N, C-alpha and C. Protein backbone atom coordinates (compact mmCIF):
# COMPACT_ATOMS: atom_id res chain seq x y z
N MET A 1 -13.03 -0.21 -3.54
CA MET A 1 -12.28 0.98 -3.00
C MET A 1 -12.26 2.04 -4.11
N THR A 2 -12.37 3.18 -3.77
CA THR A 2 -12.42 4.36 -4.72
C THR A 2 -11.27 5.31 -4.35
N ILE A 3 -10.95 6.25 -5.26
CA ILE A 3 -10.26 7.37 -4.97
C ILE A 3 -11.02 8.54 -5.08
N PRO A 4 -11.17 9.21 -3.92
CA PRO A 4 -11.98 10.48 -4.04
C PRO A 4 -11.57 11.43 -5.17
N GLY A 5 -12.67 12.00 -5.86
CA GLY A 5 -12.47 12.98 -6.92
C GLY A 5 -12.18 12.32 -8.16
N TYR A 6 -12.27 11.06 -8.32
CA TYR A 6 -12.00 10.40 -9.59
C TYR A 6 -13.17 9.64 -9.91
N ASP A 7 -13.61 9.51 -11.26
CA ASP A 7 -14.65 8.79 -11.71
C ASP A 7 -14.31 7.36 -11.59
N SER A 8 -15.09 6.43 -11.10
CA SER A 8 -14.76 5.00 -10.95
C SER A 8 -14.37 4.44 -12.49
N GLY A 9 -14.98 4.97 -13.43
CA GLY A 9 -14.57 4.40 -14.72
C GLY A 9 -13.19 4.65 -15.23
N ASP A 10 -12.42 5.72 -14.45
CA ASP A 10 -11.22 5.93 -14.91
C ASP A 10 -10.12 5.30 -14.05
N ILE A 11 -10.53 4.41 -13.17
CA ILE A 11 -9.72 3.77 -12.03
C ILE A 11 -9.52 2.26 -12.43
N ALA A 12 -8.22 2.07 -12.49
CA ALA A 12 -7.80 0.56 -12.82
C ALA A 12 -7.61 -0.12 -11.47
N GLU A 13 -8.36 -1.16 -11.16
CA GLU A 13 -8.34 -1.79 -9.79
C GLU A 13 -7.56 -3.16 -9.78
N PHE A 14 -6.84 -3.27 -8.75
CA PHE A 14 -6.06 -4.66 -8.64
C PHE A 14 -6.25 -5.11 -7.25
N ALA A 15 -6.25 -6.48 -7.08
CA ALA A 15 -6.43 -6.99 -5.74
C ALA A 15 -5.61 -8.29 -5.57
N LEU A 16 -5.06 -8.46 -4.38
CA LEU A 16 -4.54 -9.82 -4.01
C LEU A 16 -5.29 -10.16 -2.74
N GLU A 17 -6.49 -10.69 -3.04
CA GLU A 17 -7.50 -10.96 -1.91
C GLU A 17 -6.88 -11.70 -0.73
N ARG A 18 -6.19 -12.78 -1.08
CA ARG A 18 -5.76 -13.72 0.04
C ARG A 18 -4.64 -12.97 0.86
N ALA A 19 -4.08 -11.93 0.46
CA ALA A 19 -3.04 -11.15 1.17
C ALA A 19 -3.75 -9.86 1.81
N GLY A 20 -4.99 -9.53 1.34
CA GLY A 20 -5.62 -8.32 1.77
C GLY A 20 -5.02 -7.13 1.21
N ALA A 21 -4.51 -7.10 -0.02
CA ALA A 21 -4.04 -5.95 -0.71
C ALA A 21 -4.95 -5.53 -1.77
N HIS A 22 -5.02 -4.18 -1.95
CA HIS A 22 -5.90 -3.53 -3.02
C HIS A 22 -5.15 -2.37 -3.55
N VAL A 23 -5.10 -2.20 -4.81
CA VAL A 23 -4.45 -1.13 -5.48
C VAL A 23 -5.43 -0.40 -6.41
N ASP A 24 -5.67 1.00 -6.51
CA ASP A 24 -6.42 1.67 -7.54
C ASP A 24 -5.55 2.66 -8.11
N ILE A 25 -5.59 2.73 -9.43
CA ILE A 25 -4.58 3.64 -10.14
C ILE A 25 -5.39 4.43 -11.08
N VAL A 26 -5.21 5.81 -11.18
CA VAL A 26 -5.62 6.60 -12.32
C VAL A 26 -4.27 7.00 -13.01
N ALA A 27 -4.09 6.61 -14.18
CA ALA A 27 -2.87 6.87 -14.99
C ALA A 27 -3.12 6.88 -16.35
N GLY A 28 -2.20 7.50 -17.15
CA GLY A 28 -2.31 7.42 -18.68
C GLY A 28 -1.97 6.10 -19.15
N VAL A 29 -1.02 5.50 -18.53
CA VAL A 29 -0.60 4.07 -18.88
C VAL A 29 -0.50 3.22 -17.77
N VAL A 30 -1.29 2.08 -17.78
CA VAL A 30 -1.16 1.11 -16.80
C VAL A 30 -0.81 -0.21 -17.52
N PRO A 31 0.43 -0.65 -17.33
CA PRO A 31 0.95 -1.88 -18.15
C PRO A 31 0.13 -3.09 -18.00
N ASP A 32 -0.03 -3.92 -18.94
CA ASP A 32 -0.77 -5.23 -18.79
C ASP A 32 -0.17 -6.03 -17.73
N GLU A 33 1.13 -6.01 -17.57
CA GLU A 33 1.85 -6.85 -16.65
C GLU A 33 1.74 -6.30 -15.10
N PHE A 34 1.08 -5.20 -14.86
CA PHE A 34 0.96 -4.77 -13.51
C PHE A 34 0.13 -5.71 -12.76
N SER A 35 0.53 -6.11 -11.55
CA SER A 35 -0.17 -7.07 -10.68
C SER A 35 0.49 -6.95 -9.33
N LEU A 36 -0.27 -7.65 -8.32
CA LEU A 36 0.24 -7.69 -7.10
C LEU A 36 0.55 -9.20 -6.65
N GLU A 37 1.70 -9.34 -6.02
CA GLU A 37 2.04 -10.73 -5.60
C GLU A 37 2.62 -10.63 -4.08
N ARG A 38 2.57 -11.73 -3.35
CA ARG A 38 3.21 -11.78 -2.21
C ARG A 38 4.75 -11.77 -2.35
N SER A 39 5.41 -10.86 -1.51
CA SER A 39 6.83 -10.65 -1.72
C SER A 39 7.61 -11.85 -1.08
N VAL A 40 8.87 -12.16 -1.55
CA VAL A 40 9.64 -13.01 -0.86
C VAL A 40 10.70 -12.29 0.00
N GLN A 41 10.65 -10.89 -0.10
CA GLN A 41 11.58 -10.10 0.69
C GLN A 41 11.27 -10.11 2.05
N GLU A 42 12.31 -9.96 2.79
CA GLU A 42 12.18 -9.98 4.22
C GLU A 42 11.38 -8.78 4.70
N PRO A 43 10.19 -8.88 5.63
CA PRO A 43 9.54 -7.75 6.00
C PRO A 43 10.34 -6.83 6.99
N PRO A 44 9.97 -5.53 6.98
CA PRO A 44 10.54 -4.72 7.96
C PRO A 44 10.39 -5.25 9.37
N ALA A 45 11.22 -4.82 10.30
CA ALA A 45 11.00 -5.36 11.74
C ALA A 45 9.68 -4.90 12.35
N ASP A 46 9.10 -3.76 11.91
CA ASP A 46 7.82 -3.37 12.50
C ASP A 46 6.64 -3.76 11.67
N ALA A 47 6.62 -4.71 10.73
CA ALA A 47 5.64 -5.18 9.89
C ALA A 47 4.46 -5.65 10.60
N LEU A 48 3.31 -5.38 10.10
CA LEU A 48 2.15 -5.90 10.80
C LEU A 48 1.34 -6.85 9.79
N ALA A 49 2.08 -7.18 8.63
CA ALA A 49 1.53 -8.05 7.70
C ALA A 49 2.76 -8.44 6.74
N GLU A 50 2.57 -9.44 5.93
CA GLU A 50 3.55 -9.78 4.96
C GLU A 50 3.65 -8.81 3.86
N PRO A 51 4.73 -8.52 3.35
CA PRO A 51 4.90 -7.46 2.23
C PRO A 51 4.28 -7.95 1.08
N ILE A 52 4.04 -6.97 0.19
CA ILE A 52 3.45 -7.21 -1.17
C ILE A 52 4.31 -6.57 -2.23
N ASP A 53 4.53 -7.28 -3.24
CA ASP A 53 5.23 -6.65 -4.59
C ASP A 53 4.34 -6.15 -5.54
N LEU A 54 4.61 -4.89 -5.98
CA LEU A 54 3.84 -4.20 -7.09
C LEU A 54 4.65 -4.63 -8.29
N VAL A 55 4.14 -5.56 -8.97
CA VAL A 55 4.75 -6.13 -10.20
C VAL A 55 4.52 -5.18 -11.45
N GLY A 56 5.45 -4.81 -12.20
CA GLY A 56 5.25 -4.06 -13.38
C GLY A 56 5.08 -2.56 -13.02
N HIS A 57 5.27 -2.07 -11.89
CA HIS A 57 4.91 -0.68 -11.43
C HIS A 57 5.83 0.38 -12.17
N ASP A 58 6.93 -0.09 -12.68
CA ASP A 58 7.88 0.80 -13.44
C ASP A 58 7.20 1.30 -14.74
N GLY A 59 6.39 0.38 -15.19
CA GLY A 59 5.75 0.86 -16.50
C GLY A 59 4.67 1.87 -16.39
N LEU A 60 4.26 2.19 -15.13
CA LEU A 60 3.22 3.22 -14.98
C LEU A 60 3.52 4.63 -15.56
N ARG A 61 2.70 5.14 -16.38
CA ARG A 61 3.05 6.48 -16.84
C ARG A 61 1.94 7.48 -16.54
N ALA A 62 2.19 8.68 -16.41
CA ALA A 62 1.28 9.79 -16.29
C ALA A 62 0.26 9.42 -15.19
N VAL A 63 0.85 9.10 -13.92
CA VAL A 63 0.06 8.73 -12.86
C VAL A 63 -0.56 9.94 -12.15
N GLU A 64 -1.85 9.98 -12.02
CA GLU A 64 -2.69 11.01 -11.48
C GLU A 64 -2.80 10.75 -9.96
N ALA A 65 -3.24 9.46 -9.80
CA ALA A 65 -3.49 8.94 -8.36
C ALA A 65 -3.04 7.49 -8.29
N PHE A 66 -2.59 7.07 -6.99
CA PHE A 66 -2.24 5.67 -6.77
C PHE A 66 -2.48 5.47 -5.38
N ARG A 67 -3.42 4.55 -5.06
CA ARG A 67 -3.94 4.33 -3.75
C ARG A 67 -3.73 2.84 -3.53
N ILE A 68 -3.07 2.62 -2.31
CA ILE A 68 -2.85 1.15 -1.92
C ILE A 68 -3.58 1.05 -0.59
N SER A 69 -4.17 -0.17 -0.33
CA SER A 69 -4.83 -0.46 1.01
C SER A 69 -4.35 -1.85 1.25
N LEU A 70 -4.00 -2.00 2.49
CA LEU A 70 -3.45 -3.26 3.15
C LEU A 70 -4.13 -3.58 4.37
N VAL A 71 -4.36 -4.87 4.46
CA VAL A 71 -4.98 -5.43 5.80
C VAL A 71 -3.89 -5.56 6.58
N TYR A 72 -3.97 -5.30 8.00
CA TYR A 72 -2.92 -5.48 9.02
C TYR A 72 -3.53 -6.25 10.16
N ASP A 73 -2.62 -6.76 10.97
CA ASP A 73 -2.98 -7.59 12.19
C ASP A 73 -2.69 -6.63 13.38
N PRO A 74 -3.84 -6.21 13.88
CA PRO A 74 -3.74 -5.30 15.07
C PRO A 74 -3.11 -5.83 16.38
N SER A 75 -3.08 -7.10 16.43
CA SER A 75 -2.58 -7.85 17.58
C SER A 75 -1.10 -7.97 17.57
N ALA A 76 -0.47 -7.57 16.33
CA ALA A 76 0.93 -7.48 16.21
C ALA A 76 1.54 -6.08 16.68
N LEU A 77 0.60 -5.15 17.06
CA LEU A 77 1.07 -3.80 17.56
C LEU A 77 1.82 -3.99 18.73
N PRO A 78 2.91 -3.20 19.12
CA PRO A 78 3.59 -3.42 20.29
C PRO A 78 2.63 -2.99 21.47
N PRO A 79 2.84 -3.56 22.60
CA PRO A 79 1.92 -3.21 23.81
C PRO A 79 1.96 -1.68 24.00
N GLY A 80 0.74 -1.17 24.25
CA GLY A 80 0.51 0.22 24.47
C GLY A 80 0.50 1.09 23.23
N ALA A 81 0.73 0.55 22.17
CA ALA A 81 0.54 1.32 20.86
C ALA A 81 -0.73 1.78 20.56
N SER A 82 -0.90 2.89 20.04
CA SER A 82 -2.28 3.31 19.45
C SER A 82 -2.70 2.54 18.28
N PRO A 83 -3.91 2.04 18.26
CA PRO A 83 -4.30 1.34 16.87
C PRO A 83 -4.31 2.28 15.70
N THR A 84 -4.04 3.44 15.76
CA THR A 84 -3.97 4.39 14.71
C THR A 84 -2.48 4.60 14.23
N ASP A 85 -1.60 3.94 14.88
CA ASP A 85 -0.08 4.17 14.56
C ASP A 85 0.26 3.16 13.61
N VAL A 86 -0.33 3.09 12.50
CA VAL A 86 -0.14 2.19 11.33
C VAL A 86 0.08 3.06 10.11
N ALA A 87 0.90 2.55 9.13
CA ALA A 87 1.27 3.28 7.97
C ALA A 87 1.52 2.16 6.78
N VAL A 88 1.40 2.71 5.65
CA VAL A 88 1.89 1.88 4.52
C VAL A 88 3.30 2.30 4.34
N ALA A 89 4.33 1.30 4.26
CA ALA A 89 5.72 1.69 3.92
C ALA A 89 6.07 0.97 2.64
N VAL A 90 7.09 1.69 1.92
CA VAL A 90 7.53 1.33 0.66
C VAL A 90 9.02 1.12 0.81
N ASP A 91 9.47 0.06 0.33
CA ASP A 91 11.07 -0.21 0.34
C ASP A 91 11.58 0.38 -0.87
N ASP A 92 12.39 1.67 -0.64
CA ASP A 92 13.01 2.31 -1.74
C ASP A 92 14.54 1.95 -1.54
N ASP A 93 15.31 2.70 -2.38
CA ASP A 93 16.84 2.38 -2.34
C ASP A 93 17.39 2.69 -0.95
N ASP A 94 16.74 3.38 -0.09
CA ASP A 94 17.37 3.78 1.14
C ASP A 94 16.73 3.00 2.30
N GLY A 95 15.89 2.04 2.10
CA GLY A 95 15.28 1.36 3.18
C GLY A 95 13.67 1.53 3.14
N TRP A 96 13.05 1.28 4.16
CA TRP A 96 11.61 1.53 4.15
C TRP A 96 11.14 2.86 4.57
N GLU A 97 10.35 3.41 3.68
CA GLU A 97 9.89 4.74 3.83
C GLU A 97 8.37 4.67 4.03
N THR A 98 7.84 5.36 5.21
CA THR A 98 6.43 5.32 5.37
C THR A 98 5.78 6.51 4.67
N LEU A 99 4.63 6.14 4.07
CA LEU A 99 3.79 7.14 3.39
C LEU A 99 2.73 7.74 4.29
N GLU A 100 2.33 8.90 4.01
CA GLU A 100 1.08 9.40 4.85
C GLU A 100 -0.05 8.44 4.59
N SER A 101 -0.68 7.96 5.65
CA SER A 101 -1.62 6.85 5.69
C SER A 101 -2.78 7.21 6.41
N THR A 102 -3.94 6.54 6.22
CA THR A 102 -5.10 6.52 6.87
C THR A 102 -5.55 5.16 7.33
N VAL A 103 -5.85 5.01 8.59
CA VAL A 103 -6.25 3.66 9.27
C VAL A 103 -7.75 3.66 9.30
N ASP A 104 -8.30 2.45 8.87
CA ASP A 104 -9.74 2.07 9.08
C ASP A 104 -9.72 1.10 10.17
N LEU A 105 -10.08 1.50 11.40
CA LEU A 105 -10.03 0.63 12.50
C LEU A 105 -10.93 -0.60 12.48
N GLU A 106 -12.21 -0.25 11.79
CA GLU A 106 -13.35 -1.29 11.77
C GLU A 106 -12.90 -2.42 10.74
N GLU A 107 -12.25 -1.93 9.60
CA GLU A 107 -11.81 -3.01 8.61
C GLU A 107 -10.42 -3.60 8.81
N THR A 108 -9.66 -2.95 9.80
CA THR A 108 -8.21 -3.22 10.10
C THR A 108 -7.39 -3.06 8.75
N THR A 109 -7.56 -1.98 8.17
CA THR A 109 -6.73 -1.62 6.94
C THR A 109 -6.16 -0.32 7.06
N VAL A 110 -4.98 -0.18 6.25
CA VAL A 110 -4.38 1.09 6.26
C VAL A 110 -4.30 1.34 4.79
N ALA A 111 -4.41 2.72 4.43
CA ALA A 111 -4.36 3.09 2.97
C ALA A 111 -3.39 4.30 2.77
N ALA A 112 -2.83 4.52 1.63
CA ALA A 112 -2.16 5.66 1.32
C ALA A 112 -2.35 5.97 -0.04
N THR A 113 -2.50 7.28 -0.35
CA THR A 113 -2.79 7.72 -1.73
C THR A 113 -1.84 8.71 -2.03
N THR A 114 -1.13 8.61 -3.28
CA THR A 114 -0.12 9.44 -3.68
C THR A 114 -0.46 9.98 -5.15
N ASN A 115 0.27 10.97 -5.60
CA ASN A 115 -0.08 11.46 -6.88
C ASN A 115 0.93 10.90 -7.95
N ASP A 116 1.77 9.94 -7.56
CA ASP A 116 2.87 9.43 -8.34
C ASP A 116 2.86 7.97 -8.02
N ARG A 117 3.65 7.18 -8.79
CA ARG A 117 3.86 5.83 -8.40
C ARG A 117 4.83 5.80 -7.14
N PRO A 118 4.62 4.74 -6.35
CA PRO A 118 5.41 4.67 -5.13
C PRO A 118 7.03 4.55 -5.41
N PRO A 119 7.83 4.99 -4.65
CA PRO A 119 9.30 5.01 -4.96
C PRO A 119 9.92 3.69 -4.96
N GLY A 120 9.24 2.59 -4.60
CA GLY A 120 9.68 1.33 -4.57
C GLY A 120 8.62 0.36 -5.03
N SER A 121 8.98 -0.96 -5.19
CA SER A 121 8.05 -1.91 -5.75
C SER A 121 7.51 -2.86 -4.50
N THR A 122 8.03 -2.86 -3.33
CA THR A 122 7.55 -3.69 -2.31
C THR A 122 6.90 -2.77 -1.21
N VAL A 123 5.74 -3.07 -0.79
CA VAL A 123 4.98 -2.34 0.38
C VAL A 123 4.59 -3.25 1.47
N ALA A 124 4.42 -2.73 2.57
CA ALA A 124 4.03 -3.33 3.82
C ALA A 124 3.28 -2.43 4.75
N ALA A 125 2.34 -3.10 5.55
CA ALA A 125 1.69 -2.34 6.64
C ALA A 125 2.73 -2.38 7.68
N VAL A 126 2.98 -1.23 8.42
CA VAL A 126 3.87 -1.25 9.55
C VAL A 126 3.47 -0.44 10.73
N TYR A 127 3.95 -0.72 11.86
CA TYR A 127 3.83 0.10 12.94
C TYR A 127 4.56 1.36 12.84
N ASP A 128 3.93 2.36 13.03
CA ASP A 128 4.51 3.86 12.89
C ASP A 128 4.29 4.63 14.04
N GLY A 129 5.08 4.49 15.04
CA GLY A 129 4.89 5.19 16.29
C GLY A 129 5.10 6.71 16.16
N GLU A 130 5.42 7.16 15.02
CA GLU A 130 5.63 8.53 14.85
C GLU A 130 4.39 9.27 14.31
N SER A 131 3.32 8.50 14.00
CA SER A 131 2.18 9.13 13.46
C SER A 131 1.44 10.01 14.53
């Protein structure tokens, strides 16, 4: 996975393959303890996959780009839902916030790219009927 506009040598890549989660980061400081783990947190009601924890994400500094990609289960979409109504959601202090996301129907993944670290440390692929 790449972040458009950035040289691959500048991107720190992380994956939790068994959960279908990938993160690419361009930042001044990516802490050694940064990693991805399956979350023990309760997933949101509209989750299409188990949530993932971004371990050590508070230590990220001078973030230029942060891209997360999650595999989701299209069979978990509500009846009649569009297969593009999927988003990456982040659990922040106020609940689950959806990020502007792009869906890859062929790979059944959803990805979001931001210019900062996410506002929370737990992410999930969710049904987003508002897209």
